[in-house]
Amino acid sequence: MTTTDNGAAFGAASATIARAVEDIIASRDLDAVGEADIANAIAALGKLYAAKVERMDKVFPPVTTDALTATQTVILVSELLRAADLNVFDLAMWFRRVS
């Protein structure tokens, strides 16, 4: 696959996942999705985002302003911090480094 093919395939896959997530949330069929599948998707996207930021040496918004509610953001960030064995102090240190 060429770089262009990879980009197009990723774009199509991300659109498919976004639609599937909206459908699953709307139908309240959350049990249909395994926790491991969600974890794999979040980890893969986190790796891609971090690799792109490091390569570009520039931080860009990972989501649009209205993509997640404040509650959704705090739930996700809190659990990402726990999974990485980090705390709010660690986050503050990195936040200063990146800004």
C-alpha atoms as a PDB file:
ATOM      1  CA  MET A   1       0.000   0.000   0.000  1.00  0.00           C
ATOM      2  CA  THR A   2       1.279   3.462  -0.823  1.00  0.00           C
ATOM      3  CA  THR A   3       1.267   6.368   1.606  1.00  0.00           C
ATOM      4  CA  THR A   4      -1.723   7.819  -0.248  1.00  0.00           C
ATOM      5  CA  ASP A   5      -3.545   4.472  -0.046  1.00  0.00           C
ATOM      6  CA  ASN A   6      -2.832   4.249   3.693  1.00  0.00           C
ATOM      7  CA  GLY A   7      -4.212   7.754   4.225  1.00  0.00           C
ATOM      8  CA  ALA A   8      -7.355   7.018   2.232  1.00  0.00           C
ATOM      9  CA  ALA A   9      -7.887   3.691   4.003  1.00  0.00           C
ATOM     10  CA  PHE A  10      -7.474   5.354   7.394  1.00  0.00           C
ATOM     11  CA  GLY A  11      -9.908   8.119   6.462  1.00  0.00           C
ATOM     12  CA  ALA A  12     -12.529   5.595   5.376  1.00  0.00           C
ATOM     13  CA  ALA A  13     -11.988   3.462   8.492  1.00  0.00           C
ATOM     14  CA  SER A  14     -12.264   6.459  10.832  1.00  0.00           C
ATOM     15  CA  ALA A  15     -15.520   7.553   9.175  1.00  0.00           C
ATOM     16  CA  THR A  16     -16.909   4.008   9.501  1.00  0.00           C
ATOM     17  CA  ILE A  17     -15.936   3.829  13.183  1.00  0.00           C
ATOM     18  CA  ALA A  18     -17.451   7.263  13.881  1.00  0.00           C
ATOM     19  CA  ARG A  19     -20.760   6.208  12.289  1.00  0.00           C
ATOM     20  CA  ALA A  20     -20.757   2.874  14.146  1.00  0.00           C
ATOM     21  CA  VAL A  21     -20.136   4.625  17.472  1.00  0.00           C
ATOM     22  CA  GLU A  22     -23.016   7.044  16.903  1.00  0.00           C
ATOM     23  CA  ASP A  23     -25.323   4.132  15.969  1.00  0.00           C
ATOM     24  CA  ILE A  24     -24.274   2.077  19.008  1.00  0.00           C
ATOM     25  CA  ILE A  25     -24.767   4.997  21.401  1.00  0.00           C
ATOM     26  CA  ALA A  26     -28.125   5.894  19.836  1.00  0.00           C
ATOM     27  CA  SER A  27     -29.366   2.289  20.067  1.00  0.00           C
ATOM     28  CA  ARG A  28     -27.968   1.943  23.612  1.00  0.00           C
ATOM     29  CA  ASP A  29     -26.452  -1.381  22.519  1.00  0.00           C
ATOM     30  CA  LEU A  30     -23.194  -0.745  24.386  1.00  0.00           C
ATOM     31  CA  ASP A  31     -22.831  -4.428  25.343  1.00  0.00           C
ATOM     32  CA  ALA A  32     -22.320  -5.209  21.637  1.00  0.00           C
ATOM     33  CA  VAL A  33     -18.822  -3.704  21.808  1.00  0.00           C
ATOM     34  CA  GLY A  34     -16.101  -5.393  23.798  1.00  0.00           C
ATOM     35  CA  GLU A  35     -13.982  -3.405  26.226  1.00  0.00           C
ATOM     36  CA  ALA A  36     -10.819  -4.797  24.606  1.00  0.00           C
ATOM     37  CA  ASP A  37     -11.960  -3.518  21.198  1.00  0.00           C
ATOM     38  CA  ILE A  38     -12.472  -0.021  22.599  1.00  0.00           C
ATOM     39  CA  ALA A  39      -9.082  -0.161  24.333  1.00  0.00           C
ATOM     40  CA  ASN A  40      -7.359  -1.293  21.120  1.00  0.00           C
ATOM     41  CA  ALA A  41      -8.932   1.535  19.115  1.00  0.00           C
ATOM     42  CA  ILE A  42      -8.044   4.198  21.691  1.00  0.00           C
ATOM     43  CA  ALA A  43      -4.470   2.895  21.999  1.00  0.00           C
ATOM     44  CA  ALA A  44      -3.972   2.816  18.221  1.00  0.00           C
ATOM     45  CA  LEU A  45      -5.310   6.348  17.800  1.00  0.00           C
ATOM     46  CA  GLY A  46      -3.237   7.594  20.720  1.00  0.00           C
ATOM     47  CA  LYS A  47      -0.090   6.132  19.157  1.00  0.00           C
ATOM     48  CA  LEU A  48      -0.898   7.705  15.787  1.00  0.00           C
ATOM     49  CA  TYR A  49      -1.633  11.101  17.321  1.00  0.00           C
ATOM     50  CA  ALA A  50       1.564  11.096  19.406  1.00  0.00           C
ATOM     51  CA  ALA A  51       3.699   9.952  16.446  1.00  0.00           C
ATOM     52  CA  LYS A  52       2.296  12.716  14.235  1.00  0.00           C
ATOM     53  CA  VAL A  53       2.792  15.395  16.921  1.00  0.00           C
ATOM     54  CA  GLU A  54       6.369  14.256  17.532  1.00  0.00           C
ATOM     55  CA  ARG A  55       7.188  14.115  13.828  1.00  0.00           C
ATOM     56  CA  MET A  56       5.653  17.516  13.072  1.00  0.00           C
ATOM     57  CA  ASP A  57       7.086  18.980  16.295  1.00  0.00           C
ATOM     58  CA  LYS A  58       3.772  20.790  16.606  1.00  0.00           C
ATOM     59  CA  VAL A  59       0.705  20.059  18.721  1.00  0.00           C
ATOM     60  CA  PHE A  60      -2.670  20.102  16.962  1.00  0.00           C
ATOM     61  CA  PRO A  61      -6.141  19.574  18.451  1.00  0.00           C
ATOM     62  CA  PRO A  62      -6.872  15.827  18.650  1.00  0.00           C
ATOM     63  CA  VAL A  63     -10.619  16.526  18.352  1.00  0.00           C
ATOM     64  CA  THR A  64     -12.811  19.441  17.354  1.00  0.00           C
ATOM     65  CA  THR A  65     -14.044  21.735  20.110  1.00  0.00           C
ATOM     66  CA  ASP A  66     -17.514  20.192  20.177  1.00  0.00           C
ATOM     67  CA  ALA A  67     -16.534  16.544  19.535  1.00  0.00           C
ATOM     68  CA  LEU A  68     -16.661  15.515  23.202  1.00  0.00           C
ATOM     69  CA  THR A  69     -18.556  16.872  26.166  1.00  0.00           C
ATOM     70  CA  ALA A  70     -16.634  17.954  29.250  1.00  0.00           C
ATOM     71  CA  THR A  71     -17.817  14.784  31.007  1.00  0.00           C
ATOM     72  CA  GLN A  72     -16.677  12.542  28.151  1.00  0.00           C
ATOM     73  CA  THR A  73     -13.303  14.282  28.099  1.00  0.00           C
ATOM     74  CA  VAL A  74     -12.736  13.932  31.845  1.00  0.00           C
ATOM     75  CA  ILE A  75     -13.772  10.266  31.841  1.00  0.00           C
ATOM     76  CA  LEU A  76     -11.384   9.463  28.991  1.00  0.00           C
ATOM     77  CA  VAL A  77      -8.459  11.531  30.256  1.00  0.00           C
ATOM     78  CA  SER A  78      -8.825  10.224  33.820  1.00  0.00           C
ATOM     79  CA  GLU A  79      -8.719   6.615  32.689  1.00  0.00           C
ATOM     80  CA  LEU A  80      -5.832   7.248  30.281  1.00  0.00           C
ATOM     81  CA  LEU A  81      -3.860   8.748  33.171  1.00  0.00           C
ATOM     82  CA  ARG A  82      -4.691   5.749  35.391  1.00  0.00           C
ATOM     83  CA  ALA A  83      -3.741   3.277  32.658  1.00  0.00           C
ATOM     84  CA  ALA A  84      -0.363   4.990  32.218  1.00  0.00           C
ATOM     85  CA  ASP A  85       0.161   5.186  36.009  1.00  0.00           C
ATOM     86  CA  LEU A  86       0.297   8.992  35.836  1.00  0.00           C
ATOM     87  CA  ASN A  87      -1.289  11.596  38.077  1.00  0.00           C
ATOM     88  CA  VAL A  88      -2.414  15.194  37.661  1.00  0.00           C
ATOM     89  CA  PHE A  89       1.007  16.484  38.772  1.00  0.00           C
ATOM     90  CA  ASP A  90       2.670  14.425  36.009  1.00  0.00           C
ATOM     91  CA  LEU A  91       0.165  15.805  33.525  1.00  0.00           C
ATOM     92  CA  ALA A  92       0.921  19.379  34.617  1.00  0.00           C
ATOM     93  CA  MET A  93       4.644  18.800  34.056  1.00  0.00           C
ATOM     94  CA  TRP A  94       4.028  17.511  30.521  1.00  0.00           C
ATOM     95  CA  PHE A  95       1.498  20.229  29.813  1.00  0.00           C
ATOM     96  CA  ARG A  96       4.148  22.873  30.511  1.00  0.00           C
ATOM     97  CA  ARG A  97       6.673  21.017  28.367  1.00  0.00           C
ATOM     98  CA  VAL A  98       4.430  20.823  25.300  1.00  0.00           C
ATOM     99  CA  SER A  99       2.968  24.336  25.450  1.00  0.00           C
END
